[in-house]
Each structure stands twice: as C-alpha cells, then as structure tokens.
Amino acid sequence: MPVERLQKILSHAGVASRRVAEQLILEGRVAVNGVVQTKLGSRADPEKDEITVDGVPIDRRRYRYIILNKPAGVVTTVADDRGRTTVLDLLPPELRGLHPVGRLDLESEGLLILTNDGHLTNLLTHPRHAVEKEYLVAVDAPLSKAAMQRMVRGIEEGGELLRAAAVAPVRPPDRQNWPGSAWLLVTLREGKKREIRRMLRSLGRNVLRLQRIRIGPVHLGSLPPGAWRELTDVEVAKLYASAVYPSPLGGPLPTGPQPLPSRGR
C-alpha cells in the first residue's frame, strides 16, 4: 500500500477525525516505528509501519464498521453544541473517528451503522440505491387497512411525497402494549426527515415508540440499548451487495441471485 498522511491513516483507523488527528500529531502523541512525529506532512504505510497514539498501536484495518443500538434521547451526530449525549459518547475512544450512516431523530431508537467508509455511507443513504430500512412503530390507535395502503401509495405532506415500501400490523413486543395502542412494521426505501412520524400524523396518529430493526441485510437482533458490535466481513459484503456494489474488504458475497433494488418511487 502506498504511504499516506498520518492524519488520514488515523482517521481511517477510527482513532479521530482528521482535525483531531492533526492536533494529536502536533502534540507529539503519534509515533511511527517508535519515532515521534510532530509535522502534519508526515507519512507512513498503514500496512507495514507500526503507528502508535500515546504508545498504543492503532488498529491496522483501513475501514471500521459497527452497529449501535441507539437509545431514545441520544443525538445522532458527532458533537452537540447543547451538551446532549451523542452516539459517539456511547463508543470507546478508539472509535470516536467514525460517523453515523444516516440518522435517527432524538426520540427514535434502534439500529444505527457507524463507519469511516464514506463510499458505503453514500450507498446506504442515497435514494437511488433504495436500500431497505425496517421499523417497529407503536401508534396510539389502530390503523385501518385503507390507511396503511395510503402510506404505501404515498401521502403529500409539507410539499413532499412521503411513501412507505410496505406497512403491516404486528403483535406488540413483550410488555410493550399500551392500552389502545397498535404496532406496525414499516419498511422504507427512501428516508426523508421524520418520514414515518409525518405520515402517521397526517393520518391522525401519534407515534409512541419508533425503533429501527433492520438496514438492508443487517438486523438489530438482541443487541441491548446503548451497546455496539463490529460488523463481520460477510455482513459488510452483504451491505454492499444490497446496493449492488462489491465490498472493499473482499468478503464473500451472498450466494444465489441478488435482486436489484427499486430505482424509483
């Protein structure tokens, strides 16, 4: 692998953002093969050189991919000027250089992918690739079949056409059945801001709980609130395949024919 600037290597390794990585270098906290580096033009080979920060070797993997079960009340951003807890506050220091893929609003919860792979971020968030995202939604009253069909056909709200790929009633999770409430399984292929909440508000329903449980082939599973885990190479390959792209990790692609995602609404 060709040599790269140190701040770029640190950012790709998930150590810190490039700006923070530059500060670490200027403070003399970064060493290459035991030699402290203090110039921003310093370069290294991330595959061959031993790079340390405060004496601790960095992870040699170029890209990092994790999933987090975001709790309600946590902000999906890397920093918050109001001092609220952010998703990065839930991660160890060595992962603070990652960024969230898309967002969940403040009161929403569930599956969030964080990575330093900008290409995958674009593939998963650009509407053209139509990667499915699935949500469990509790509303304050049952929704008729006709109303669910309206969500799939599309609802005009705020000058935008909001539309779900699929909506279906589901049984409530254990111990989460509020009196008079109902639960829905909602699938989106294009995430406009607060799209599910806006559609349901147009139908006269208030959202009591909204939890994302799937992005493409990756499921939240039993990951506890506030916890995170690394994605496997196979999971990353499947994410790329869901957007019809090869994985940079070279992991095996899913066997069998892969359906092309929808290209329009």
C-alpha atoms as a PDB file:
ATOM      1  CA  MET A   1       0.000   0.000   0.000  1.00  0.00           C
ATOM      2  CA  PRO A   2       1.393   3.486  -0.822  1.00  0.00           C
ATOM      3  CA  VAL A   3       2.315   5.799   2.029  1.00  0.00           C
ATOM      4  CA  GLU A   4      -0.344   8.213   3.255  1.00  0.00           C
ATOM      5  CA  ARG A   5      -0.506  11.241   5.502  1.00  0.00           C
ATOM      6  CA  LEU A   6      -0.645  10.296   9.156  1.00  0.00           C
ATOM      7  CA  GLN A   7      -3.833  12.226   9.865  1.00  0.00           C
ATOM      8  CA  LYS A   8      -5.591  10.338   7.065  1.00  0.00           C
ATOM      9  CA  ILE A   9      -4.403   6.985   8.432  1.00  0.00           C
ATOM     10  CA  LEU A  10      -5.601   7.870  11.942  1.00  0.00           C
ATOM     11  CA  SER A  11      -8.976   8.968  10.603  1.00  0.00           C
ATOM     12  CA  HIS A  12      -9.439   5.789   8.554  1.00  0.00           C
ATOM     13  CA  ALA A  13      -8.472   3.699  11.587  1.00  0.00           C
ATOM     14  CA  GLY A  14     -11.293   5.307  13.550  1.00  0.00           C
ATOM     15  CA  VAL A  15      -8.917   6.975  16.019  1.00  0.00           C
ATOM     16  CA  ALA A  16     -10.189  10.510  15.497  1.00  0.00           C
ATOM     17  CA  SER A  17     -11.426  12.958  12.905  1.00  0.00           C
ATOM     18  CA  ARG A  18      -8.720  14.420  10.677  1.00  0.00           C
ATOM     19  CA  ARG A  19      -8.804  17.710  12.580  1.00  0.00           C
ATOM     20  CA  VAL A  20      -8.335  15.965  15.927  1.00  0.00           C
ATOM     21  CA  ALA A  21      -5.697  13.668  14.396  1.00  0.00           C
ATOM     22  CA  GLU A  22      -3.724  16.726  13.291  1.00  0.00           C
ATOM     23  CA  GLN A  23      -3.794  18.019  16.859  1.00  0.00           C
ATOM     24  CA  LEU A  24      -2.558  14.657  18.159  1.00  0.00           C
ATOM     25  CA  ILE A  25       0.392  14.863  15.750  1.00  0.00           C
ATOM     26  CA  LEU A  26       1.243  18.445  16.698  1.00  0.00           C
ATOM     27  CA  GLU A  27       1.170  17.468  20.379  1.00  0.00           C
ATOM     28  CA  GLY A  28       3.759  14.735  19.749  1.00  0.00           C
ATOM     29  CA  ARG A  29       1.418  11.909  20.689  1.00  0.00           C
ATOM     30  CA  VAL A  30       1.834   9.949  17.447  1.00  0.00           C
ATOM     31  CA  ALA A  31       4.837   7.775  16.616  1.00  0.00           C
ATOM     32  CA  VAL A  32       5.822   5.736  13.560  1.00  0.00           C
ATOM     33  CA  ASN A  33       8.098   2.764  14.231  1.00  0.00           C
ATOM     34  CA  GLY A  34       8.994   4.300  17.587  1.00  0.00           C
ATOM     35  CA  VAL A  35       9.835   7.756  16.203  1.00  0.00           C
ATOM     36  CA  VAL A  36       7.602  10.593  17.393  1.00  0.00           C
ATOM     37  CA  GLN A  37       6.075  12.624  14.549  1.00  0.00           C
ATOM     38  CA  THR A  38       5.192  16.301  15.017  1.00  0.00           C
ATOM     39  CA  LYS A  39       4.807  17.526  11.429  1.00  0.00           C
ATOM     40  CA  LEU A  40       1.480  17.427   9.605  1.00  0.00           C
ATOM     41  CA  GLY A  41       3.212  16.346   6.400  1.00  0.00           C
ATOM     42  CA  SER A  42       4.461  13.124   7.985  1.00  0.00           C
ATOM     43  CA  ARG A  43       3.581   9.962   6.075  1.00  0.00           C
ATOM     44  CA  ALA A  44       3.529   6.237   6.754  1.00  0.00           C
ATOM     45  CA  ASP A  45       2.468   2.922   5.274  1.00  0.00           C
ATOM     46  CA  PRO A  46      -0.548   1.751   7.299  1.00  0.00           C
ATOM     47  CA  GLU A  47       0.064  -1.889   6.310  1.00  0.00           C
ATOM     48  CA  LYS A  48       3.780  -2.070   7.179  1.00  0.00           C
ATOM     49  CA  ASP A  49       4.599   0.624   9.727  1.00  0.00           C
ATOM     50  CA  GLU A  50       3.804   0.418  13.431  1.00  0.00           C
ATOM     51  CA  ILE A  51       1.793   3.523  14.252  1.00  0.00           C
ATOM     52  CA  THR A  52       1.005   4.354  17.869  1.00  0.00           C
ATOM     53  CA  VAL A  53      -1.014   7.026  19.646  1.00  0.00           C
ATOM     54  CA  ASP A  54       0.066   7.643  23.238  1.00  0.00           C
ATOM     55  CA  GLY A  55       2.079   4.438  22.943  1.00  0.00           C
ATOM     56  CA  VAL A  56      -0.905   2.301  21.906  1.00  0.00           C
ATOM     57  CA  PRO A  57      -0.810   0.694  18.417  1.00  0.00           C
ATOM     58  CA  ILE A  58      -3.697   1.674  16.167  1.00  0.00           C
ATOM     59  CA  ASP A  59      -5.928  -0.902  14.537  1.00  0.00           C
ATOM     60  CA  ARG A  60      -4.443  -1.696  11.113  1.00  0.00           C
ATOM     61  CA  ARG A  61      -7.801  -2.175   9.474  1.00  0.00           C
ATOM     62  CA  ARG A  62      -8.381   0.615   6.984  1.00  0.00           C
ATOM     63  CA  TYR A  63     -12.136   0.715   7.483  1.00  0.00           C
ATOM     64  CA  ARG A  64     -14.225   0.058  10.584  1.00  0.00           C
ATOM     65  CA  TYR A  65     -17.890  -0.891  10.603  1.00  0.00           C
ATOM     66  CA  ILE A  66     -20.045  -1.157  13.713  1.00  0.00           C
ATOM     67  CA  ILE A  67     -23.713  -1.208  14.601  1.00  0.00           C
ATOM     68  CA  LEU A  68     -25.109   0.565  17.639  1.00  0.00           C
ATOM     69  CA  ASN A  69     -28.490   0.209  19.329  1.00  0.00           C
ATOM     70  CA  LYS A  70     -29.209   3.912  19.767  1.00  0.00           C
ATOM     71  CA  PRO A  71     -31.373   4.667  22.809  1.00  0.00           C
ATOM     72  CA  ALA A  72     -34.074   7.336  22.695  1.00  0.00           C
ATOM     73  CA  GLY A  73     -32.775  10.719  23.852  1.00  0.00           C
ATOM     74  CA  VAL A  74     -29.342  10.315  22.241  1.00  0.00           C
ATOM     75  CA  VAL A  75     -28.407  12.649  19.373  1.00  0.00           C
ATOM     76  CA  THR A  76     -27.272  11.128  16.057  1.00  0.00           C
ATOM     77  CA  THR A  77     -24.330  13.435  15.480  1.00  0.00           C
ATOM     78  CA  VAL A  78     -20.622  13.563  16.236  1.00  0.00           C
ATOM     79  CA  ALA A  79     -20.942  16.618  18.516  1.00  0.00           C
ATOM     80  CA  ASP A  80     -23.752  18.649  20.054  1.00  0.00           C
ATOM     81  CA  ASP A  81     -23.442  22.327  20.984  1.00  0.00           C
ATOM     82  CA  ARG A  82     -26.217  21.906  23.557  1.00  0.00           C
ATOM     83  CA  GLY A  83     -24.257  19.350  25.519  1.00  0.00           C
ATOM     84  CA  ARG A  84     -26.604  16.435  24.869  1.00  0.00           C
ATOM     85  CA  THR A  85     -25.342  12.862  24.723  1.00  0.00           C
ATOM     86  CA  THR A  86     -24.322  11.874  21.189  1.00  0.00           C
ATOM     87  CA  VAL A  87     -23.939   8.440  19.637  1.00  0.00           C
ATOM     88  CA  LEU A  88     -20.149   8.854  19.748  1.00  0.00           C
ATOM     89  CA  ASP A  89     -20.339   9.291  23.522  1.00  0.00           C
ATOM     90  CA  LEU A  90     -21.506   5.659  23.662  1.00  0.00           C
ATOM     91  CA  LEU A  91     -18.344   4.400  21.934  1.00  0.00           C
ATOM     92  CA  PRO A  92     -14.806   3.829  23.250  1.00  0.00           C
ATOM     93  CA  PRO A  93     -12.186   6.496  22.388  1.00  0.00           C
ATOM     94  CA  GLU A  94     -10.634   4.433  19.583  1.00  0.00           C
ATOM     95  CA  LEU A  95     -13.940   4.550  17.650  1.00  0.00           C
ATOM     96  CA  ARG A  96     -14.625   8.271  18.018  1.00  0.00           C
ATOM     97  CA  GLY A  97     -13.436   8.880  14.438  1.00  0.00           C
ATOM     98  CA  LEU A  98     -16.415   7.022  12.970  1.00  0.00           C
ATOM     99  CA  HIS A  99     -19.508   8.771  11.653  1.00  0.00           C
ATOM    100  CA  PRO A 100     -23.162   7.695  11.653  1.00  0.00           C
ATOM    101  CA  VAL A 101     -24.685   6.438   8.409  1.00  0.00           C
ATOM    102  CA  GLY A 102     -27.901   8.418   8.111  1.00  0.00           C
ATOM    103  CA  ARG A 103     -29.686   9.387  11.280  1.00  0.00           C
ATOM    104  CA  LEU A 104     -32.373   8.562  13.787  1.00  0.00           C
ATOM    105  CA  ASP A 105     -34.176  11.515  15.332  1.00  0.00           C
ATOM    106  CA  LEU A 106     -33.824  12.267  19.037  1.00  0.00           C
ATOM    107  CA  GLU A 107     -36.741  10.158  20.272  1.00  0.00           C
ATOM    108  CA  SER A 108     -36.258   7.299  17.805  1.00  0.00           C
ATOM    109  CA  GLU A 109     -34.119   4.317  18.696  1.00  0.00           C
ATOM    110  CA  GLY A 110     -32.587   1.184  17.301  1.00  0.00           C
ATOM    111  CA  LEU A 111     -30.129   0.146  14.615  1.00  0.00           C
ATOM    112  CA  LEU A 112     -27.506   2.667  13.544  1.00  0.00           C
ATOM    113  CA  ILE A 113     -24.433   1.901  11.440  1.00  0.00           C
ATOM    114  CA  LEU A 114     -21.233   3.858  12.089  1.00  0.00           C
ATOM    115  CA  THR A 115     -18.181   3.690   9.844  1.00  0.00           C
ATOM    116  CA  ASN A 116     -15.290   5.619   8.324  1.00  0.00           C
ATOM    117  CA  ASP A 117     -16.101   4.201   4.879  1.00  0.00           C
ATOM    118  CA  GLY A 118     -17.544   7.180   3.027  1.00  0.00           C
ATOM    119  CA  HIS A 119     -18.403   5.119  -0.050  1.00  0.00           C
ATOM    120  CA  LEU A 120     -20.628   2.741   1.902  1.00  0.00           C
ATOM    121  CA  THR A 121     -22.227   5.705   3.662  1.00  0.00           C
ATOM    122  CA  ASN A 122     -23.195   7.177   0.299  1.00  0.00           C
ATOM    123  CA  LEU A 123     -24.534   3.860  -0.988  1.00  0.00           C
ATOM    124  CA  LEU A 124     -26.733   3.307   2.051  1.00  0.00           C
ATOM    125  CA  THR A 125     -28.103   6.849   2.233  1.00  0.00           C
ATOM    126  CA  HIS A 126     -28.541   7.873  -1.413  1.00  0.00           C
ATOM    127  CA  PRO A 127     -32.171   7.357  -2.532  1.00  0.00           C
ATOM    128  CA  ARG A 128     -31.000   5.948  -5.882  1.00  0.00           C
ATOM    129  CA  HIS A 129     -29.859   2.721  -4.210  1.00  0.00           C
ATOM    130  CA  ALA A 130     -33.156   2.204  -2.355  1.00  0.00           C
ATOM    131  CA  VAL A 131     -31.656   0.142   0.481  1.00  0.00           C
ATOM    132  CA  GLU A 132     -34.498  -1.031   2.721  1.00  0.00           C
ATOM    133  CA  LYS A 133     -34.819   0.103   6.329  1.00  0.00           C
ATOM    134  CA  GLU A 134     -37.352  -1.566   8.602  1.00  0.00           C
ATOM    135  CA  TYR A 135     -39.004  -0.101  11.699  1.00  0.00           C
ATOM    136  CA  LEU A 136     -41.217  -1.262  14.548  1.00  0.00           C
ATOM    137  CA  VAL A 137     -43.673   1.534  15.293  1.00  0.00           C
ATOM    138  CA  ALA A 138     -46.182   1.871  18.130  1.00  0.00           C
ATOM    139  CA  VAL A 139     -49.104   4.254  17.496  1.00  0.00           C
ATOM    140  CA  ASP A 140     -51.802   5.467  19.874  1.00  0.00           C
ATOM    141  CA  ALA A 141     -54.687   3.800  17.989  1.00  0.00           C
ATOM    142  CA  PRO A 142     -55.092   1.034  15.383  1.00  0.00           C
ATOM    143  CA  LEU A 143     -54.648   1.917  11.726  1.00  0.00           C
ATOM    144  CA  SER A 144     -57.138   0.716   9.129  1.00  0.00           C
ATOM    145  CA  LYS A 145     -56.093  -1.314   6.114  1.00  0.00           C
ATOM    146  CA  ALA A 146     -57.043   1.630   3.900  1.00  0.00           C
ATOM    147  CA  ALA A 147     -54.772   3.943   5.906  1.00  0.00           C
ATOM    148  CA  MET A 148     -51.861   1.523   5.584  1.00  0.00           C
ATOM    149  CA  GLN A 149     -52.468   1.347   1.841  1.00  0.00           C
ATOM    150  CA  ARG A 150     -52.355   5.153   1.717  1.00  0.00           C
ATOM    151  CA  MET A 151     -48.899   5.073   3.301  1.00  0.00           C
ATOM    152  CA  VAL A 152     -47.720   2.749   0.522  1.00  0.00           C
ATOM    153  CA  ARG A 153     -49.376   4.766  -2.264  1.00  0.00           C
ATOM    154  CA  GLY A 154     -47.935   7.995  -0.889  1.00  0.00           C
ATOM    155  CA  ILE A 155     -49.020  10.931   1.264  1.00  0.00           C
ATOM    156  CA  GLU A 156     -48.389  14.571   0.361  1.00  0.00           C
ATOM    157  CA  GLU A 157     -47.079  16.480   3.374  1.00  0.00           C
ATOM    158  CA  GLY A 158     -45.068  19.665   3.579  1.00  0.00           C
ATOM    159  CA  GLY A 159     -44.558  19.780  -0.181  1.00  0.00           C
ATOM    160  CA  GLU A 160     -43.080  16.264  -0.269  1.00  0.00           C
ATOM    161  CA  LEU A 161     -44.413  12.884  -1.283  1.00  0.00           C
ATOM    162  CA  LEU A 162     -43.888  10.520   1.636  1.00  0.00           C
ATOM    163  CA  ARG A 163     -44.184   6.834   0.899  1.00  0.00           C
ATOM    164  CA  ALA A 164     -43.501   3.513   2.601  1.00  0.00           C
ATOM    165  CA  ALA A 165     -42.413   0.406   0.717  1.00  0.00           C
ATOM    166  CA  ALA A 166     -44.568  -1.764   2.987  1.00  0.00           C
ATOM    167  CA  VAL A 167     -46.759  -1.430   6.093  1.00  0.00           C
ATOM    168  CA  ALA A 168     -48.225  -4.295   8.111  1.00  0.00           C
ATOM    169  CA  PRO A 169     -49.752  -4.750  11.571  1.00  0.00           C
ATOM    170  CA  VAL A 170     -47.679  -6.834  14.006  1.00  0.00           C
ATOM    171  CA  ARG A 171     -48.071  -8.185  17.511  1.00  0.00           C
ATOM    172  CA  PRO A 172     -46.603  -5.920  20.209  1.00  0.00           C
ATOM    173  CA  PRO A 173     -43.230  -6.828  21.714  1.00  0.00           C
ATOM    174  CA  ASP A 174     -43.334  -8.315  25.198  1.00  0.00           C
ATOM    175  CA  ARG A 175     -44.546  -5.928  27.919  1.00  0.00           C
ATOM    176  CA  GLN A 176     -44.882  -3.016  25.487  1.00  0.00           C
ATOM    177  CA  ASN A 177     -48.598  -2.952  24.783  1.00  0.00           C
ATOM    178  CA  TRP A 178     -50.043   0.392  25.857  1.00  0.00           C
ATOM    179  CA  PRO A 179     -53.861   0.485  26.264  1.00  0.00           C
ATOM    180  CA  GLY A 180     -55.495   1.249  22.909  1.00  0.00           C
ATOM    181  CA  SER A 181     -52.191   1.214  21.034  1.00  0.00           C
ATOM    182  CA  ALA A 182     -51.222  -0.752  17.936  1.00  0.00           C
ATOM    183  CA  TRP A 183     -47.926  -1.830  16.410  1.00  0.00           C
ATOM    184  CA  LEU A 184     -46.830  -1.602  12.789  1.00  0.00           C
ATOM    185  CA  LEU A 185     -43.907  -2.945  10.781  1.00  0.00           C
ATOM    186  CA  VAL A 186     -42.925  -0.186   8.338  1.00  0.00           C
ATOM    187  CA  THR A 187     -40.369  -0.571   5.542  1.00  0.00           C
ATOM    188  CA  LEU A 188     -38.797   2.453   3.826  1.00  0.00           C
ATOM    189  CA  ARG A 189     -36.557   2.649   0.783  1.00  0.00           C
ATOM    190  CA  GLU A 190     -36.042   6.403   0.904  1.00  0.00           C
ATOM    191  CA  GLY A 191     -35.602   8.115   4.247  1.00  0.00           C
ATOM    192  CA  LYS A 192     -36.932  11.651   4.265  1.00  0.00           C
ATOM    193  CA  LYS A 193     -36.719  13.597   7.517  1.00  0.00           C
ATOM    194  CA  ARG A 194     -39.101  12.165  10.146  1.00  0.00           C
ATOM    195  CA  GLU A 195     -40.930  10.409   7.304  1.00  0.00           C
ATOM    196  CA  ILE A 196     -42.815   7.800   9.341  1.00  0.00           C
ATOM    197  CA  ARG A 197     -43.890  10.270  12.023  1.00  0.00           C
ATOM    198  CA  ARG A 198     -45.110  12.743   9.390  1.00  0.00           C
ATOM    199  CA  MET A 199     -47.136  10.120   7.509  1.00  0.00           C
ATOM    200  CA  LEU A 200     -48.793   8.869  10.668  1.00  0.00           C
ATOM    201  CA  ARG A 201     -49.511  12.391  11.889  1.00  0.00           C
ATOM    202  CA  SER A 202     -51.274  13.059   8.579  1.00  0.00           C
ATOM    203  CA  LEU A 203     -53.424  10.011   9.328  1.00  0.00           C
ATOM    204  CA  GLY A 204     -54.301  11.290  12.801  1.00  0.00           C
ATOM    205  CA  ARG A 205     -51.959   9.007  14.726  1.00  0.00           C
ATOM    206  CA  ASN A 206     -49.268   9.804  17.289  1.00  0.00           C
ATOM    207  CA  VAL A 207     -46.118   7.707  17.453  1.00  0.00           C
ATOM    208  CA  LEU A 208     -45.479   6.238  20.902  1.00  0.00           C
ATOM    209  CA  ARG A 209     -42.296   4.401  20.012  1.00  0.00           C
ATOM    210  CA  LEU A 210     -40.198   4.074  16.862  1.00  0.00           C
ATOM    211  CA  GLN A 211     -37.381   1.545  16.614  1.00  0.00           C
ATOM    212  CA  ARG A 212     -35.297   0.715  13.546  1.00  0.00           C
ATOM    213  CA  ILE A 213     -34.616  -3.018  13.444  1.00  0.00           C
ATOM    214  CA  ARG A 214     -33.034  -3.587  10.014  1.00  0.00           C
ATOM    215  CA  ILE A 215     -30.885  -1.853   7.398  1.00  0.00           C
ATOM    216  CA  GLY A 216     -30.644  -3.934   4.226  1.00  0.00           C
ATOM    217  CA  PRO A 217     -29.492  -7.413   5.312  1.00  0.00           C
ATOM    218  CA  VAL A 218     -28.247  -6.287   8.759  1.00  0.00           C
ATOM    219  CA  HIS A 219     -30.589  -6.833  11.719  1.00  0.00           C
ATOM    220  CA  LEU A 220     -30.522  -5.280  15.184  1.00  0.00           C
ATOM    221  CA  GLY A 221     -31.167  -8.648  16.796  1.00  0.00           C
ATOM    222  CA  SER A 222     -30.771  -8.829  20.570  1.00  0.00           C
ATOM    223  CA  LEU A 223     -28.179  -6.050  20.881  1.00  0.00           C
ATOM    224  CA  PRO A 224     -29.050  -4.167  24.115  1.00  0.00           C
ATOM    225  CA  PRO A 225     -29.791  -0.401  24.090  1.00  0.00           C
ATOM    226  CA  GLY A 226     -26.553   1.596  24.121  1.00  0.00           C
ATOM    227  CA  ALA A 227     -24.447  -1.426  23.114  1.00  0.00           C
ATOM    228  CA  TRP A 228     -22.446  -1.840  19.901  1.00  0.00           C
ATOM    229  CA  ARG A 229     -20.635  -4.556  17.968  1.00  0.00           C
ATOM    230  CA  GLU A 230     -18.378  -4.871  14.938  1.00  0.00           C
ATOM    231  CA  LEU A 231     -19.930  -5.963  11.665  1.00  0.00           C
ATOM    232  CA  THR A 232     -18.406  -9.093  10.166  1.00  0.00           C
ATOM    233  CA  ASP A 233     -16.779  -9.040   6.727  1.00  0.00           C
ATOM    234  CA  VAL A 234     -19.722 -11.075   5.438  1.00  0.00           C
ATOM    235  CA  GLU A 235     -22.208  -8.506   6.780  1.00  0.00           C
ATOM    236  CA  VAL A 236     -20.270  -5.673   5.135  1.00  0.00           C
ATOM    237  CA  ALA A 237     -20.206  -7.593   1.846  1.00  0.00           C
ATOM    238  CA  LYS A 238     -23.953  -8.112   2.086  1.00  0.00           C
ATOM    239  CA  LEU A 239     -24.494  -4.387   2.720  1.00  0.00           C
ATOM    240  CA  TYR A 240     -22.547  -3.586  -0.444  1.00  0.00           C
ATOM    241  CA  ALA A 241     -24.474  -6.257  -2.328  1.00  0.00           C
ATOM    242  CA  SER A 242     -27.773  -4.727  -1.190  1.00  0.00           C
ATOM    243  CA  ALA A 243     -26.707  -1.612  -3.095  1.00  0.00           C
ATOM    244  CA  VAL A 244     -25.240  -3.733  -5.933  1.00  0.00           C
ATOM    245  CA  TYR A 245     -21.600  -2.898  -5.180  1.00  0.00           C
ATOM    246  CA  PRO A 246     -18.592  -5.088  -4.225  1.00  0.00           C
ATOM    247  CA  SER A 247     -17.168  -4.833  -0.717  1.00  0.00           C
ATOM    248  CA  PRO A 248     -13.725  -3.204  -0.302  1.00  0.00           C
ATOM    249  CA  LEU A 249     -12.929  -5.929   2.245  1.00  0.00           C
ATOM    250  CA  GLY A 250     -13.158  -8.627  -0.389  1.00  0.00           C
ATOM    251  CA  GLY A 251     -15.551 -10.636   1.744  1.00  0.00           C
ATOM    252  CA  PRO A 252     -17.757 -13.281   0.146  1.00  0.00           C
ATOM    253  CA  LEU A 253     -20.894 -12.010  -1.484  1.00  0.00           C
ATOM    254  CA  PRO A 254     -24.215 -13.698  -0.718  1.00  0.00           C
ATOM    255  CA  THR A 255     -24.789 -16.820  -2.783  1.00  0.00           C
ATOM    256  CA  GLY A 256     -27.647 -17.030  -5.240  1.00  0.00           C
ATOM    257  CA  PRO A 257     -29.204 -14.320  -7.389  1.00  0.00           C
ATOM    258  CA  GLN A 258     -29.437 -10.870  -5.809  1.00  0.00           C
ATOM    259  CA  PRO A 259     -32.483  -8.773  -6.746  1.00  0.00           C
ATOM    260  CA  LEU A 260     -31.794  -5.284  -7.970  1.00  0.00           C
ATOM    261  CA  PRO A 261     -33.153  -2.562  -5.678  1.00  0.00           C
ATOM    262  CA  SER A 262     -36.028  -0.434  -6.868  1.00  0.00           C
ATOM    263  CA  ARG A 263     -34.835   2.609  -8.822  1.00  0.00           C
ATOM    264  CA  GLY A 264     -37.913   4.754  -8.428  1.00  0.00           C
ATOM    265  CA  ARG A 265     -40.860   5.530  -6.251  1.00  0.00           C
END
